[in-house]
Amino acid sequence: MGFLYVSSGRRISDEKGAEILQELGLLDRVEFADGTHHFRFCHDAGRHHHHVTCSTCGKVSEIDACLSAEQIARVERLTGFAIEGHRLEFFGRCERCRE
C-alpha cells in the first residue's frame, strides 16, 4: 500500500487520500457490479453525473442520465426520507465485450 503525505507531515493511506480528493471534487468513486470500487479522475469531477461500467472489462463511461425530480419525490413519499443526494450506477457489457 502506498501513502500520501499531508502538509502536517502525517502520512495517510492511498485510500484515505483518494477519499479526501473525492470530497474536494477532484476524483469520483465508481462502484463496480461485484461490489468493489475504484477512484478515477472524471472530465467533470465535482459536477453531478453518473457512470455506466462494463461488468466484463471494467470500462467506465460518464453519463448525464439522472432521476427526475418526480422520481426523487416519489422515493421521499415512499420512504418518509428527505432526500439530500443520490448515486446512480449502471452496469452492463460494452459494445466490444458483446462482440
C-alpha atoms as a PDB file:
ATOM      1  CA  MET A   1       0.000   0.000   0.000  1.00  0.00           C
ATOM      2  CA  GLY A   2       1.265   3.465  -0.836  1.00  0.00           C
ATOM      3  CA  PHE A   3       0.982   6.530   1.311  1.00  0.00           C
ATOM      4  CA  LEU A   4       0.283  10.193   0.682  1.00  0.00           C
ATOM      5  CA  TYR A   5       1.759  12.903   2.875  1.00  0.00           C
ATOM      6  CA  VAL A   6      -0.270  15.868   4.036  1.00  0.00           C
ATOM      7  CA  SER A   7       1.131  19.293   4.877  1.00  0.00           C
ATOM      8  CA  SER A   8       1.446  18.364   8.572  1.00  0.00           C
ATOM      9  CA  GLY A   9       3.915  15.638   7.578  1.00  0.00           C
ATOM     10  CA  ARG A  10       1.434  12.920   8.614  1.00  0.00           C
ATOM     11  CA  ARG A  11       1.086  10.068   6.197  1.00  0.00           C
ATOM     12  CA  ILE A  12      -2.282   8.719   5.126  1.00  0.00           C
ATOM     13  CA  SER A  13      -3.170   5.664   3.066  1.00  0.00           C
ATOM     14  CA  ASP A  14      -3.841   5.950  -0.653  1.00  0.00           C
ATOM     15  CA  GLU A  15      -7.474   5.011   0.030  1.00  0.00           C
ATOM     16  CA  LYS A  16      -7.919   7.810   2.578  1.00  0.00           C
ATOM     17  CA  GLY A  17      -6.121  10.223   0.251  1.00  0.00           C
ATOM     18  CA  ALA A  18      -8.476   9.264  -2.587  1.00  0.00           C
ATOM     19  CA  GLU A  19     -11.462   9.825  -0.293  1.00  0.00           C
ATOM     20  CA  ILE A  20     -10.161  13.308   0.550  1.00  0.00           C
ATOM     21  CA  LEU A  21      -9.685  14.097  -3.149  1.00  0.00           C
ATOM     22  CA  GLN A  22     -13.227  12.837  -3.777  1.00  0.00           C
ATOM     23  CA  GLU A  23     -14.593  15.167  -1.071  1.00  0.00           C
ATOM     24  CA  LEU A  24     -12.754  18.033  -2.775  1.00  0.00           C
ATOM     25  CA  GLY A  25     -14.444  17.143  -6.071  1.00  0.00           C
ATOM     26  CA  LEU A  26     -11.208  16.089  -7.800  1.00  0.00           C
ATOM     27  CA  LEU A  27     -11.956  12.346  -8.070  1.00  0.00           C
ATOM     28  CA  ASP A  28     -15.090  10.243  -8.469  1.00  0.00           C
ATOM     29  CA  ARG A  29     -15.735   6.958  -6.715  1.00  0.00           C
ATOM     30  CA  VAL A  30     -17.010   4.397  -9.224  1.00  0.00           C
ATOM     31  CA  GLU A  31     -18.823   1.300  -7.971  1.00  0.00           C
ATOM     32  CA  PHE A  32     -18.479  -1.997  -9.841  1.00  0.00           C
ATOM     33  CA  ALA A  33     -21.057  -4.771 -10.190  1.00  0.00           C
ATOM     34  CA  ASP A  34     -19.004  -7.083  -7.954  1.00  0.00           C
ATOM     35  CA  GLY A  35     -19.226  -4.624  -5.042  1.00  0.00           C
ATOM     36  CA  THR A  36     -15.704  -3.235  -5.382  1.00  0.00           C
ATOM     37  CA  HIS A  37     -14.968   0.405  -6.119  1.00  0.00           C
ATOM     38  CA  HIS A  38     -12.247   2.464  -7.712  1.00  0.00           C
ATOM     39  CA  PHE A  39     -11.468   6.146  -7.730  1.00  0.00           C
ATOM     40  CA  ARG A  40     -10.962   7.869 -11.050  1.00  0.00           C
ATOM     41  CA  PHE A  41     -10.445  11.325 -12.429  1.00  0.00           C
ATOM     42  CA  CYS A  42     -13.514  12.346 -14.382  1.00  0.00           C
ATOM     43  CA  HIS A  43     -13.606  15.034 -17.016  1.00  0.00           C
ATOM     44  CA  ASP A  44     -16.178  16.930 -14.973  1.00  0.00           C
ATOM     45  CA  ALA A  45     -15.365  15.673 -11.471  1.00  0.00           C
ATOM     46  CA  GLY A  46     -17.402  17.612  -8.947  1.00  0.00           C
ATOM     47  CA  ARG A  47     -20.260  18.090 -11.447  1.00  0.00           C
ATOM     48  CA  HIS A  48     -23.282  15.871 -10.825  1.00  0.00           C
ATOM     49  CA  HIS A  49     -23.122  12.920 -13.212  1.00  0.00           C
ATOM     50  CA  HIS A  50     -23.282   9.140 -13.175  1.00  0.00           C
ATOM     51  CA  HIS A  51     -21.375   6.196 -14.651  1.00  0.00           C
ATOM     52  CA  VAL A  52     -22.038   3.080 -16.677  1.00  0.00           C
ATOM     53  CA  THR A  53     -19.498   0.307 -16.053  1.00  0.00           C
ATOM     54  CA  CYS A  54     -18.761  -2.766 -18.180  1.00  0.00           C
ATOM     55  CA  SER A  55     -19.104  -5.824 -15.964  1.00  0.00           C
ATOM     56  CA  THR A  56     -16.659  -7.733 -18.197  1.00  0.00           C
ATOM     57  CA  CYS A  57     -13.699  -5.413 -18.853  1.00  0.00           C
ATOM     58  CA  GLY A  58     -14.312  -2.627 -16.321  1.00  0.00           C
ATOM     59  CA  LYS A  59     -14.598   0.188 -18.891  1.00  0.00           C
ATOM     60  CA  VAL A  60     -16.310   3.217 -17.313  1.00  0.00           C
ATOM     61  CA  SER A  61     -18.232   5.915 -19.195  1.00  0.00           C
ATOM     62  CA  GLU A  62     -19.687   9.097 -17.766  1.00  0.00           C
ATOM     63  CA  ILE A  63     -23.373   9.769 -18.458  1.00  0.00           C
ATOM     64  CA  ASP A  64     -25.705  12.669 -17.805  1.00  0.00           C
ATOM     65  CA  ALA A  65     -28.797  10.461 -17.303  1.00  0.00           C
ATOM     66  CA  CYS A  66     -30.379  11.008 -13.898  1.00  0.00           C
ATOM     67  CA  LEU A  67     -33.531  10.538 -11.873  1.00  0.00           C
ATOM     68  CA  SER A  68     -36.222  13.130 -12.465  1.00  0.00           C
ATOM     69  CA  ALA A  69     -37.484  15.410  -9.697  1.00  0.00           C
ATOM     70  CA  GLU A  70     -40.752  13.427  -9.787  1.00  0.00           C
ATOM     71  CA  GLN A  71     -38.894  10.136  -9.219  1.00  0.00           C
ATOM     72  CA  ILE A  72     -36.968  11.582  -6.282  1.00  0.00           C
ATOM     73  CA  ALA A  73     -40.214  12.988  -4.808  1.00  0.00           C
ATOM     74  CA  ARG A  74     -41.773   9.510  -5.129  1.00  0.00           C
ATOM     75  CA  VAL A  75     -38.858   7.963  -3.212  1.00  0.00           C
ATOM     76  CA  GLU A  76     -39.396  10.582  -0.495  1.00  0.00           C
ATOM     77  CA  ARG A  77     -43.121   9.766  -0.298  1.00  0.00           C
ATOM     78  CA  LEU A  78     -42.498   6.007  -0.205  1.00  0.00           C
ATOM     79  CA  THR A  79     -39.767   6.132   2.433  1.00  0.00           C
ATOM     80  CA  GLY A  80     -40.523   9.195   4.522  1.00  0.00           C
ATOM     81  CA  PHE A  81     -36.950  10.393   3.898  1.00  0.00           C
ATOM     82  CA  ALA A  82     -35.972  13.909   2.834  1.00  0.00           C
ATOM     83  CA  ILE A  83     -33.575  13.016   0.020  1.00  0.00           C
ATOM     84  CA  GLU A  84     -30.345  15.026   0.164  1.00  0.00           C
ATOM     85  CA  GLY A  85     -28.456  13.294  -2.633  1.00  0.00           C
ATOM     86  CA  HIS A  86     -28.100  10.089  -4.561  1.00  0.00           C
ATOM     87  CA  ARG A  87     -25.721   7.879  -6.506  1.00  0.00           C
ATOM     88  CA  LEU A  88     -26.925   6.058  -9.593  1.00  0.00           C
ATOM     89  CA  GLU A  89     -24.741   3.344 -11.149  1.00  0.00           C
ATOM     90  CA  PHE A  90     -25.428   1.387 -14.321  1.00  0.00           C
ATOM     91  CA  PHE A  91     -23.771  -1.950 -15.166  1.00  0.00           C
ATOM     92  CA  GLY A  92     -23.713  -3.911 -18.397  1.00  0.00           C
ATOM     93  CA  ARG A  93     -21.403  -5.118 -21.138  1.00  0.00           C
ATOM     94  CA  CYS A  94     -19.793  -2.612 -23.501  1.00  0.00           C
ATOM     95  CA  GLU A  95     -20.002  -2.983 -27.269  1.00  0.00           C
ATOM     96  CA  ARG A  96     -16.519  -4.520 -27.511  1.00  0.00           C
ATOM     97  CA  CYS A  97     -17.268  -7.170 -24.862  1.00  0.00           C
ATOM     98  CA  ARG A  98     -20.558  -8.100 -26.582  1.00  0.00           C
ATOM     99  CA  GLU A  99     -18.760  -8.955 -29.861  1.00  0.00           C
END
